[in-house]
Amino acid sequence: MFCQCIVKLELLKHPDITPSEEYAITEFLRFVPIIQLNEAIENETIALSRSAKLKLPDAIIGATSIVYDAKLVTRDPHFLKCQYKKLLIWDNA
């Protein structure tokens, strides 16, 4: 399991995040490798943005999964557009 750097930013950017939520997220992320952007991810991000019309953060996350040949677990149905074979949509309903 790993986390793309954009996910960390997305999780912590909310202005109404409580101190306990921020602490929980930060503690979780301490134990998860954070993947930074590199040229391979950048190139795949461009391709995904064009082909699946994903927003930049989603394209970066999807591209990272593709480059690392990793399963992508998400609650975001937008990823269905990219037809990634290792996609797992998590529905907690």
N, C-alpha and C. Protein backbone atom coordinates (compact mmCIF):
# COMPACT_ATOMS: atom_id res chain seq x y z
N MET A 1 0.84 -1.17 0.00
CA MET A 1 0.00 0.00 0.00
C MET A 1 0.90 1.24 0.00
N PHE A 2 0.47 2.23 -0.77
CA PHE A 2 1.17 3.51 -0.79
C PHE A 2 0.14 4.61 -1.03
N CYS A 3 0.60 5.82 -0.94
CA CYS A 3 -0.28 6.98 -1.13
C CYS A 3 0.43 7.96 -2.06
N GLN A 4 -0.28 8.48 -3.01
CA GLN A 4 0.28 9.49 -3.90
C GLN A 4 0.31 10.82 -3.15
N CYS A 5 1.33 11.63 -3.36
CA CYS A 5 1.47 12.89 -2.62
C CYS A 5 0.23 13.77 -2.76
N ILE A 6 -0.44 13.71 -3.89
CA ILE A 6 -1.64 14.54 -4.09
C ILE A 6 -2.76 14.13 -3.14
N VAL A 7 -2.80 12.85 -2.76
CA VAL A 7 -3.82 12.38 -1.82
C VAL A 7 -3.60 13.01 -0.45
N LYS A 8 -2.36 13.08 -0.04
CA LYS A 8 -2.04 13.74 1.23
C LYS A 8 -2.53 15.18 1.22
N LEU A 9 -2.27 15.88 0.14
CA LEU A 9 -2.71 17.27 0.02
C LEU A 9 -4.23 17.37 0.03
N GLU A 10 -4.89 16.47 -0.70
CA GLU A 10 -6.36 16.47 -0.75
C GLU A 10 -6.95 16.20 0.63
N LEU A 11 -6.37 15.28 1.38
CA LEU A 11 -6.90 14.94 2.69
C LEU A 11 -6.75 16.07 3.70
N LEU A 12 -5.65 16.79 3.61
CA LEU A 12 -5.35 17.81 4.63
C LEU A 12 -5.73 19.23 4.23
N LYS A 13 -6.26 19.45 3.04
CA LYS A 13 -6.52 20.81 2.56
C LYS A 13 -7.79 21.44 3.12
N HIS A 14 -8.70 20.64 3.61
CA HIS A 14 -10.01 21.15 4.00
C HIS A 14 -9.91 22.14 5.16
N PRO A 15 -10.51 23.32 4.99
CA PRO A 15 -10.41 24.35 6.04
C PRO A 15 -11.16 23.99 7.32
N ASP A 16 -12.13 23.08 7.23
CA ASP A 16 -12.90 22.73 8.42
C ASP A 16 -12.46 21.42 9.07
N ILE A 17 -11.26 20.95 8.74
CA ILE A 17 -10.75 19.73 9.34
C ILE A 17 -10.49 19.99 10.83
N THR A 18 -10.89 19.05 11.65
CA THR A 18 -10.68 19.21 13.09
C THR A 18 -9.27 18.78 13.45
N PRO A 19 -8.77 19.26 14.56
CA PRO A 19 -7.43 18.83 14.98
C PRO A 19 -7.33 17.31 15.15
N SER A 20 -8.36 16.68 15.64
CA SER A 20 -8.30 15.22 15.81
C SER A 20 -8.30 14.50 14.46
N GLU A 21 -9.05 15.03 13.48
CA GLU A 21 -9.02 14.45 12.14
C GLU A 21 -7.65 14.62 11.49
N GLU A 22 -7.10 15.81 11.63
CA GLU A 22 -5.77 16.07 11.07
C GLU A 22 -4.73 15.15 11.70
N TYR A 23 -4.83 14.99 13.01
CA TYR A 23 -3.89 14.11 13.70
C TYR A 23 -4.03 12.67 13.21
N ALA A 24 -5.26 12.18 13.08
CA ALA A 24 -5.49 10.80 12.63
C ALA A 24 -4.94 10.58 11.22
N ILE A 25 -5.19 11.53 10.34
CA ILE A 25 -4.69 11.43 8.96
C ILE A 25 -3.17 11.45 8.94
N THR A 26 -2.59 12.39 9.67
CA THR A 26 -1.14 12.53 9.72
C THR A 26 -0.49 11.27 10.29
N GLU A 27 -1.08 10.72 11.34
CA GLU A 27 -0.54 9.49 11.93
C GLU A 27 -0.62 8.33 10.95
N PHE A 28 -1.74 8.20 10.26
CA PHE A 28 -1.88 7.14 9.26
C PHE A 28 -0.82 7.28 8.18
N LEU A 29 -0.64 8.50 7.70
CA LEU A 29 0.30 8.75 6.60
C LEU A 29 1.76 8.54 7.01
N ARG A 30 2.04 8.58 8.30
CA ARG A 30 3.41 8.31 8.76
C ARG A 30 3.85 6.89 8.42
N PHE A 31 2.88 5.99 8.31
CA PHE A 31 3.20 4.58 8.10
C PHE A 31 2.97 4.11 6.67
N VAL A 32 2.64 5.05 5.79
CA VAL A 32 2.36 4.72 4.40
C VAL A 32 3.40 5.43 3.52
N PRO A 33 4.07 4.69 2.65
CA PRO A 33 5.00 5.36 1.73
C PRO A 33 4.25 6.38 0.86
N ILE A 34 4.82 7.57 0.75
CA ILE A 34 4.24 8.63 -0.07
C ILE A 34 5.02 8.68 -1.39
N ILE A 35 4.32 8.49 -2.49
CA ILE A 35 4.93 8.49 -3.82
C ILE A 35 4.91 9.92 -4.38
N GLN A 36 6.08 10.39 -4.76
CA GLN A 36 6.20 11.72 -5.35
C GLN A 36 6.07 11.62 -6.88
N LEU A 37 5.81 12.74 -7.50
CA LEU A 37 5.74 12.76 -8.96
C LEU A 37 7.11 12.48 -9.56
N ASN A 38 7.09 11.79 -10.68
CA ASN A 38 8.31 11.57 -11.45
C ASN A 38 7.91 11.65 -12.93
N GLU A 39 8.87 11.52 -13.82
CA GLU A 39 8.57 11.71 -15.24
C GLU A 39 7.59 10.68 -15.77
N ALA A 40 7.70 9.43 -15.33
CA ALA A 40 6.78 8.39 -15.80
C ALA A 40 5.34 8.70 -15.37
N ILE A 41 5.18 9.14 -14.12
CA ILE A 41 3.84 9.50 -13.63
C ILE A 41 3.32 10.72 -14.36
N GLU A 42 4.18 11.69 -14.60
CA GLU A 42 3.77 12.89 -15.33
C GLU A 42 3.27 12.54 -16.73
N ASN A 43 4.01 11.69 -17.44
CA ASN A 43 3.60 11.31 -18.80
C ASN A 43 2.28 10.54 -18.80
N GLU A 44 2.12 9.62 -17.86
CA GLU A 44 0.87 8.87 -17.77
C GLU A 44 -0.28 9.77 -17.35
N THR A 45 0.00 10.76 -16.50
CA THR A 45 -1.03 11.73 -16.09
C THR A 45 -1.54 12.50 -17.30
N ILE A 46 -0.64 12.94 -18.15
CA ILE A 46 -1.03 13.67 -19.36
C ILE A 46 -1.91 12.79 -20.24
N ALA A 47 -1.50 11.54 -20.42
CA ALA A 47 -2.27 10.62 -21.26
C ALA A 47 -3.66 10.37 -20.67
N LEU A 48 -3.74 10.15 -19.35
CA LEU A 48 -5.04 9.92 -18.71
C LEU A 48 -5.93 11.15 -18.76
N SER A 49 -5.33 12.30 -18.54
CA SER A 49 -6.11 13.55 -18.58
C SER A 49 -6.76 13.74 -19.94
N ARG A 50 -6.02 13.40 -20.97
CA ARG A 50 -6.55 13.56 -22.33
C ARG A 50 -7.57 12.49 -22.68
N SER A 51 -7.27 11.23 -22.37
CA SER A 51 -8.13 10.13 -22.82
C SER A 51 -9.38 9.96 -21.96
N ALA A 52 -9.25 10.11 -20.65
CA ALA A 52 -10.39 9.88 -19.77
C ALA A 52 -11.02 11.16 -19.26
N LYS A 53 -10.40 12.29 -19.62
CA LYS A 53 -10.90 13.60 -19.19
C LYS A 53 -11.06 13.69 -17.67
N LEU A 54 -10.05 13.17 -16.97
CA LEU A 54 -10.03 13.26 -15.51
C LEU A 54 -9.46 14.59 -15.07
N LYS A 55 -9.91 15.08 -13.92
CA LYS A 55 -9.30 16.27 -13.33
C LYS A 55 -7.87 15.91 -12.94
N LEU A 56 -7.03 16.92 -12.85
CA LEU A 56 -5.61 16.70 -12.62
C LEU A 56 -5.32 15.83 -11.40
N PRO A 57 -5.91 16.11 -10.22
CA PRO A 57 -5.59 15.24 -9.07
C PRO A 57 -5.96 13.77 -9.33
N ASP A 58 -7.12 13.53 -9.93
CA ASP A 58 -7.53 12.16 -10.23
C ASP A 58 -6.61 11.52 -11.25
N ALA A 59 -6.20 12.29 -12.24
CA ALA A 59 -5.29 11.76 -13.26
C ALA A 59 -3.94 11.39 -12.64
N ILE A 60 -3.45 12.19 -11.71
CA ILE A 60 -2.18 11.89 -11.03
C ILE A 60 -2.31 10.59 -10.23
N ILE A 61 -3.41 10.45 -9.51
CA ILE A 61 -3.64 9.24 -8.71
C ILE A 61 -3.74 8.01 -9.61
N GLY A 62 -4.52 8.12 -10.67
CA GLY A 62 -4.65 7.00 -11.60
C GLY A 62 -3.34 6.66 -12.28
N ALA A 63 -2.62 7.67 -12.69
CA ALA A 63 -1.34 7.46 -13.36
C ALA A 63 -0.34 6.78 -12.44
N THR A 64 -0.33 7.15 -11.19
CA THR A 64 0.57 6.53 -10.22
C THR A 64 0.27 5.04 -10.10
N SER A 65 -1.01 4.70 -10.04
CA SER A 65 -1.39 3.29 -9.96
C SER A 65 -0.96 2.52 -11.20
N ILE A 66 -1.11 3.15 -12.35
CA ILE A 66 -0.72 2.49 -13.60
C ILE A 66 0.80 2.29 -13.65
N VAL A 67 1.55 3.34 -13.34
CA VAL A 67 3.01 3.27 -13.40
C VAL A 67 3.55 2.21 -12.42
N TYR A 68 2.95 2.14 -11.24
CA TYR A 68 3.40 1.18 -10.23
C TYR A 68 2.68 -0.17 -10.33
N ASP A 69 1.82 -0.31 -11.35
CA ASP A 69 1.06 -1.54 -11.55
C ASP A 69 0.38 -1.98 -10.25
N ALA A 70 -0.28 -1.02 -9.62
CA ALA A 70 -0.90 -1.25 -8.31
C ALA A 70 -2.42 -1.18 -8.41
N LYS A 71 -3.07 -1.87 -7.50
CA LYS A 71 -4.52 -1.80 -7.41
C LYS A 71 -4.91 -0.42 -6.89
N LEU A 72 -5.91 0.18 -7.51
CA LEU A 72 -6.41 1.49 -7.10
C LEU A 72 -7.72 1.29 -6.35
N VAL A 73 -7.73 1.62 -5.07
CA VAL A 73 -8.93 1.51 -4.25
C VAL A 73 -9.44 2.93 -4.02
N THR A 74 -10.68 3.17 -4.39
CA THR A 74 -11.24 4.52 -4.32
C THR A 74 -12.74 4.46 -4.12
N ARG A 75 -13.31 5.55 -3.66
CA ARG A 75 -14.75 5.72 -3.60
C ARG A 75 -15.23 6.62 -4.73
N ASP A 76 -14.32 7.04 -5.59
CA ASP A 76 -14.61 8.01 -6.64
C ASP A 76 -14.95 7.30 -7.95
N PRO A 77 -16.20 7.35 -8.39
CA PRO A 77 -16.58 6.66 -9.63
C PRO A 77 -16.00 7.29 -10.90
N HIS A 78 -15.39 8.46 -10.79
CA HIS A 78 -14.78 9.08 -11.97
C HIS A 78 -13.70 8.19 -12.59
N PHE A 79 -13.10 7.35 -11.77
CA PHE A 79 -12.03 6.49 -12.27
C PHE A 79 -12.54 5.42 -13.22
N LEU A 80 -13.84 5.20 -13.25
CA LEU A 80 -14.40 4.22 -14.19
C LEU A 80 -14.14 4.65 -15.63
N LYS A 81 -13.97 5.95 -15.86
CA LYS A 81 -13.71 6.46 -17.21
C LYS A 81 -12.39 5.96 -17.79
N CYS A 82 -11.43 5.66 -16.92
CA CYS A 82 -10.11 5.28 -17.44
C CYS A 82 -10.00 3.78 -17.71
N GLN A 83 -11.01 3.00 -17.36
CA GLN A 83 -11.05 1.56 -17.65
C GLN A 83 -9.79 0.86 -17.18
N TYR A 84 -9.33 1.21 -15.99
CA TYR A 84 -8.14 0.60 -15.41
C TYR A 84 -8.52 -0.76 -14.84
N LYS A 85 -7.82 -1.79 -15.24
CA LYS A 85 -8.18 -3.16 -14.88
C LYS A 85 -8.02 -3.47 -13.40
N LYS A 86 -7.18 -2.74 -12.70
CA LYS A 86 -6.94 -3.00 -11.29
C LYS A 86 -7.70 -2.00 -10.40
N LEU A 87 -8.86 -1.59 -10.83
CA LEU A 87 -9.64 -0.60 -10.11
C LEU A 87 -10.63 -1.30 -9.18
N LEU A 88 -10.67 -0.86 -7.94
CA LEU A 88 -11.64 -1.36 -6.97
C LEU A 88 -12.40 -0.16 -6.42
N ILE A 89 -13.68 -0.07 -6.76
CA ILE A 89 -14.51 1.02 -6.22
C ILE A 89 -15.04 0.55 -4.88
N TRP A 90 -14.72 1.30 -3.84
CA TRP A 90 -15.13 0.96 -2.49
C TRP A 90 -16.44 1.67 -2.20
N ASP A 91 -17.46 0.89 -1.92
CA ASP A 91 -18.78 1.44 -1.59
C ASP A 91 -19.11 1.01 -0.19
N ASN A 92 -19.10 1.96 0.74
CA ASN A 92 -19.37 1.61 2.14
C ASN A 92 -20.85 1.72 2.48
N ALA A 93 -21.70 1.77 1.48
CA ALA A 93 -23.14 1.87 1.72
C ALA A 93 -23.72 0.51 2.10
